[in-house]
């Protein structure tokens, strides 16, 4: 009986439609490149490890960070590809053809405990058939000055 009553009623008007289709998606504007001649670089503390990332416990005590540290002066518009090339200069394992570099930011959370968060991967020798995260910049990945960068050197 309820079905019969519903059929007798007129349909509600359709919701208003805007121009063709849904609203356009917001595309985040690419950040302005840094003028490296006029902008002071930041110190990026990079920790490398073959086989995987360091655990968050290895960063728990200030001054007792892992020993395999490289200090790099760079800018917020540095890409993961630039950082890959710098790591390859100091870590022979990263120069292997089958090497993949996994990048993670290490930073304290709201409780003061360190967090290791993977942000991208690059291939030691990239090609067009194997896309990677090499074009992403530190600022696009939400890097904050004072964070560490942990680089895991992995093999396929």
C-alpha atoms as a PDB file:
ATOM      1  CA  UNK A   1       0.000   0.000   0.000  1.00  0.00           C
ATOM      2  CA  UNK A   2       2.845   2.387   0.792  1.00  0.00           C
ATOM      3  CA  UNK A   3       4.294   1.746  -2.687  1.00  0.00           C
ATOM      4  CA  UNK A   4       1.045   2.789  -4.310  1.00  0.00           C
ATOM      5  CA  UNK A   5       0.952   6.088  -2.428  1.00  0.00           C
ATOM      6  CA  UNK A   6       4.549   6.913  -3.350  1.00  0.00           C
ATOM      7  CA  UNK A   7       3.919   6.286  -7.020  1.00  0.00           C
ATOM      8  CA  UNK A   8       1.115   8.823  -7.061  1.00  0.00           C
ATOM      9  CA  UNK A   9       3.300  11.676  -5.799  1.00  0.00           C
ATOM     10  CA  UNK A  10       5.334  13.860  -8.143  1.00  0.00           C
ATOM     11  CA  UNK A  11       9.092  13.412  -8.045  1.00  0.00           C
ATOM     12  CA  UNK A  12      11.108  16.061  -6.218  1.00  0.00           C
ATOM     13  CA  UNK A  13      12.974  18.464  -8.473  1.00  0.00           C
ATOM     14  CA  UNK A  14      16.522  17.391  -9.389  1.00  0.00           C
ATOM     15  CA  UNK A  15      19.342  19.108  -7.513  1.00  0.00           C
ATOM     16  CA  UNK A  16      20.660  22.196  -9.264  1.00  0.00           C
ATOM     17  CA  UNK A  17      23.532  21.473 -11.639  1.00  0.00           C
ATOM     18  CA  UNK A  18      26.404  23.789 -12.139  1.00  0.00           C
ATOM     19  CA  UNK A  19      28.312  24.010 -15.366  1.00  0.00           C
ATOM     20  CA  UNK A  20      29.272  20.751 -17.012  1.00  0.00           C
ATOM     21  CA  UNK A  21      30.202  18.164 -14.412  1.00  0.00           C
ATOM     22  CA  UNK A  22      31.709  18.544 -10.965  1.00  0.00           C
ATOM     23  CA  UNK A  23      33.740  21.578  -9.971  1.00  0.00           C
ATOM     24  CA  UNK A  24      37.321  21.533 -11.204  1.00  0.00           C
ATOM     25  CA  UNK A  25      39.802  19.939  -8.845  1.00  0.00           C
ATOM     26  CA  UNK A  26      42.169  22.318  -7.119  1.00  0.00           C
ATOM     27  CA  UNK A  27      45.701  21.859  -8.294  1.00  0.00           C
ATOM     28  CA  UNK A  28      48.248  23.054  -5.789  1.00  0.00           C
ATOM     29  CA  UNK A  29      50.484  25.670  -7.348  1.00  0.00           C
ATOM     30  CA  UNK A  30      54.086  24.595  -7.679  1.00  0.00           C
ATOM     31  CA  UNK A  31      56.163  26.504  -5.140  1.00  0.00           C
ATOM     32  CA  UNK A  32      58.386  29.246  -6.427  1.00  0.00           C
ATOM     33  CA  UNK A  33      61.962  28.086  -6.922  1.00  0.00           C
ATOM     34  CA  UNK A  34      64.440  29.377  -4.390  1.00  0.00           C
ATOM     35  CA  UNK A  35      67.042  31.882  -5.586  1.00  0.00           C
ATOM     36  CA  UNK A  36      70.062  29.858  -4.512  1.00  0.00           C
ATOM     37  CA  UNK A  37      72.365  32.835  -4.996  1.00  0.00           C
ATOM     38  CA  UNK A  38      70.482  34.968  -2.455  1.00  0.00           C
ATOM     39  CA  UNK A  39      68.991  32.373  -0.080  1.00  0.00           C
ATOM     40  CA  UNK A  40      71.031  30.798   2.685  1.00  0.00           C
ATOM     41  CA  UNK A  41      71.015  26.973   2.491  1.00  0.00           C
ATOM     42  CA  UNK A  42      69.795  24.754   5.314  1.00  0.00           C
ATOM     43  CA  UNK A  43      71.736  21.951   6.975  1.00  0.00           C
ATOM     44  CA  UNK A  44      70.180  18.585   6.175  1.00  0.00           C
ATOM     45  CA  UNK A  45      71.326  15.719   8.368  1.00  0.00           C
ATOM     46  CA  UNK A  46      71.100  12.553   6.254  1.00  0.00           C
ATOM     47  CA  UNK A  47      71.401   9.049   7.702  1.00  0.00           C
ATOM     48  CA  UNK A  48      71.940   6.152   5.280  1.00  0.00           C
ATOM     49  CA  UNK A  49      71.438   2.454   5.890  1.00  0.00           C
ATOM     50  CA  UNK A  50      71.644  -0.543   3.564  1.00  0.00           C
ATOM     51  CA  UNK A  51      68.635  -2.866   3.680  1.00  0.00           C
ATOM     52  CA  UNK A  52      66.050  -0.662   5.371  1.00  0.00           C
ATOM     53  CA  UNK A  53      65.322   2.457   7.367  1.00  0.00           C
ATOM     54  CA  UNK A  54      66.667   3.105  10.833  1.00  0.00           C
ATOM     55  CA  UNK A  55      64.133   2.490  13.585  1.00  0.00           C
ATOM     56  CA  UNK A  56      62.633   5.442  15.422  1.00  0.00           C
ATOM     57  CA  UNK A  57      64.373   4.224  18.617  1.00  0.00           C
ATOM     58  CA  UNK A  58      67.785   4.893  17.064  1.00  0.00           C
ATOM     59  CA  UNK A  59      66.959   8.626  17.075  1.00  0.00           C
ATOM     60  CA  UNK A  60      65.460   8.692  20.583  1.00  0.00           C
ATOM     61  CA  UNK A  61      68.519  10.118  22.401  1.00  0.00           C
ATOM     62  CA  UNK A  62      69.843  13.447  21.158  1.00  0.00           C
ATOM     63  CA  UNK A  63      73.558  13.200  20.415  1.00  0.00           C
ATOM     64  CA  UNK A  64      73.361   9.413  19.960  1.00  0.00           C
ATOM     65  CA  UNK A  65      71.926   9.368  16.452  1.00  0.00           C
ATOM     66  CA  UNK A  66      73.145   6.638  14.067  1.00  0.00           C
ATOM     67  CA  UNK A  67      76.814   6.964  13.091  1.00  0.00           C
ATOM     68  CA  UNK A  68      76.330   6.787   9.309  1.00  0.00           C
ATOM     69  CA  UNK A  69      75.527  10.495   8.951  1.00  0.00           C
ATOM     70  CA  UNK A  70      76.170  12.802   6.023  1.00  0.00           C
ATOM     71  CA  UNK A  71      75.614  16.530   6.380  1.00  0.00           C
ATOM     72  CA  UNK A  72      74.367  18.301   3.269  1.00  0.00           C
ATOM     73  CA  UNK A  73      73.738  21.996   2.767  1.00  0.00           C
ATOM     74  CA  UNK A  74      70.764  22.399   0.464  1.00  0.00           C
ATOM     75  CA  UNK A  75      67.575  24.378  -0.148  1.00  0.00           C
ATOM     76  CA  UNK A  76      63.865  23.643   0.235  1.00  0.00           C
ATOM     77  CA  UNK A  77      63.474  23.314  -3.539  1.00  0.00           C
ATOM     78  CA  UNK A  78      65.975  20.440  -3.704  1.00  0.00           C
ATOM     79  CA  UNK A  79      64.461  17.378  -5.371  1.00  0.00           C
ATOM     80  CA  UNK A  80      64.800  13.770  -4.295  1.00  0.00           C
ATOM     81  CA  UNK A  81      66.773  13.229  -7.534  1.00  0.00           C
ATOM     82  CA  UNK A  82      69.347  15.857  -6.433  1.00  0.00           C
ATOM     83  CA  UNK A  83      69.590  14.213  -3.026  1.00  0.00           C
ATOM     84  CA  UNK A  84      69.934  10.790  -4.663  1.00  0.00           C
ATOM     85  CA  UNK A  85      72.933  12.023  -6.634  1.00  0.00           C
ATOM     86  CA  UNK A  86      74.535  13.461  -3.484  1.00  0.00           C
ATOM     87  CA  UNK A  87      74.001  10.207  -1.558  1.00  0.00           C
ATOM     88  CA  UNK A  88      75.543   8.257  -4.452  1.00  0.00           C
ATOM     89  CA  UNK A  89      78.715  10.338  -4.060  1.00  0.00           C
ATOM     90  CA  UNK A  90      79.240   9.179  -0.461  1.00  0.00           C
ATOM     91  CA  UNK A  91      77.601   5.720  -0.359  1.00  0.00           C
ATOM     92  CA  UNK A  92      79.094   3.229  -2.850  1.00  0.00           C
ATOM     93  CA  UNK A  93      76.153   0.839  -2.334  1.00  0.00           C
ATOM     94  CA  UNK A  94      73.794   3.470  -3.758  1.00  0.00           C
ATOM     95  CA  UNK A  95      75.704   3.432  -7.067  1.00  0.00           C
ATOM     96  CA  UNK A  96      74.683  -0.118  -7.919  1.00  0.00           C
ATOM     97  CA  UNK A  97      72.416  -0.420 -10.969  1.00  0.00           C
ATOM     98  CA  UNK A  98      69.734  -2.292  -9.012  1.00  0.00           C
ATOM     99  CA  UNK A  99      69.700   0.146  -6.063  1.00  0.00           C
ATOM    100  CA  UNK A 100      66.524   1.891  -4.945  1.00  0.00           C
ATOM    101  CA  UNK A 101      66.717   4.709  -2.429  1.00  0.00           C
ATOM    102  CA  UNK A 102      63.807   5.100  -0.026  1.00  0.00           C
ATOM    103  CA  UNK A 103      63.568   8.512   1.640  1.00  0.00           C
ATOM    104  CA  UNK A 104      61.948   9.091   5.020  1.00  0.00           C
ATOM    105  CA  UNK A 105      61.623  12.160   7.225  1.00  0.00           C
ATOM    106  CA  UNK A 106      62.487  11.697  10.887  1.00  0.00           C
ATOM    107  CA  UNK A 107      60.868  14.180  13.260  1.00  0.00           C
ATOM    108  CA  UNK A 108      59.418  14.313  16.776  1.00  0.00           C
ATOM    109  CA  UNK A 109      55.670  13.871  17.141  1.00  0.00           C
ATOM    110  CA  UNK A 110      53.497  15.833  19.582  1.00  0.00           C
ATOM    111  CA  UNK A 111      54.603  13.613  22.479  1.00  0.00           C
ATOM    112  CA  UNK A 112      58.305  14.085  21.668  1.00  0.00           C
ATOM    113  CA  UNK A 113      58.855  10.579  20.256  1.00  0.00           C
ATOM    114  CA  UNK A 114      60.586  10.358  16.913  1.00  0.00           C
ATOM    115  CA  UNK A 115      58.604   9.220  13.882  1.00  0.00           C
ATOM    116  CA  UNK A 116      60.094   7.794  10.668  1.00  0.00           C
ATOM    117  CA  UNK A 117      57.752   8.574   7.745  1.00  0.00           C
ATOM    118  CA  UNK A 118      58.568   7.400   4.220  1.00  0.00           C
ATOM    119  CA  UNK A 119      58.045  10.171   1.657  1.00  0.00           C
ATOM    120  CA  UNK A 120      59.349   8.796  -1.642  1.00  0.00           C
ATOM    121  CA  UNK A 121      61.568   6.424  -3.589  1.00  0.00           C
ATOM    122  CA  UNK A 122      64.067   6.910  -6.362  1.00  0.00           C
ATOM    123  CA  UNK A 123      66.076   4.561  -8.522  1.00  0.00           C
ATOM    124  CA  UNK A 124      69.823   4.925  -8.591  1.00  0.00           C
ATOM    125  CA  UNK A 125      69.656   4.959 -12.397  1.00  0.00           C
ATOM    126  CA  UNK A 126      66.182   6.109 -13.470  1.00  0.00           C
ATOM    127  CA  UNK A 127      64.552   5.616 -16.844  1.00  0.00           C
ATOM    128  CA  UNK A 128      61.181   6.455 -18.339  1.00  0.00           C
ATOM    129  CA  UNK A 129      59.827   2.927 -17.888  1.00  0.00           C
ATOM    130  CA  UNK A 130      60.334   3.110 -14.121  1.00  0.00           C
ATOM    131  CA  UNK A 131      58.822   6.342 -12.802  1.00  0.00           C
ATOM    132  CA  UNK A 132      59.852   7.395  -9.316  1.00  0.00           C
ATOM    133  CA  UNK A 133      59.461  10.290  -6.872  1.00  0.00           C
ATOM    134  CA  UNK A 134      62.635  12.052  -8.033  1.00  0.00           C
ATOM    135  CA  UNK A 135      60.908  15.264  -9.099  1.00  0.00           C
ATOM    136  CA  UNK A 136      59.349  15.973  -5.682  1.00  0.00           C
ATOM    137  CA  UNK A 137      60.945  18.757  -3.661  1.00  0.00           C
ATOM    138  CA  UNK A 138      61.515  18.899   0.071  1.00  0.00           C
ATOM    139  CA  UNK A 139      58.920  21.657   0.407  1.00  0.00           C
ATOM    140  CA  UNK A 140      56.321  19.683  -1.593  1.00  0.00           C
ATOM    141  CA  UNK A 141      56.873  16.767   0.773  1.00  0.00           C
ATOM    142  CA  UNK A 142      56.291  19.066   3.796  1.00  0.00           C
ATOM    143  CA  UNK A 143      59.868  18.924   5.078  1.00  0.00           C
ATOM    144  CA  UNK A 144      60.492  21.219   8.046  1.00  0.00           C
ATOM    145  CA  UNK A 145      63.884  22.638   8.906  1.00  0.00           C
ATOM    146  CA  UNK A 146      65.302  20.572  11.748  1.00  0.00           C
ATOM    147  CA  UNK A 147      63.894  17.244  10.516  1.00  0.00           C
ATOM    148  CA  UNK A 148      66.345  14.483   9.653  1.00  0.00           C
ATOM    149  CA  UNK A 149      66.389  12.550   6.397  1.00  0.00           C
ATOM    150  CA  UNK A 150      66.736   8.781   6.597  1.00  0.00           C
ATOM    151  CA  UNK A 151      67.741   7.040   3.361  1.00  0.00           C
ATOM    152  CA  UNK A 152      67.355   3.276   3.018  1.00  0.00           C
ATOM    153  CA  UNK A 153      69.414   1.747   0.212  1.00  0.00           C
ATOM    154  CA  UNK A 154      67.512  -1.267  -1.085  1.00  0.00           C
ATOM    155  CA  UNK A 155      68.315  -3.825  -3.770  1.00  0.00           C
ATOM    156  CA  UNK A 156      65.854  -5.591  -6.055  1.00  0.00           C
END
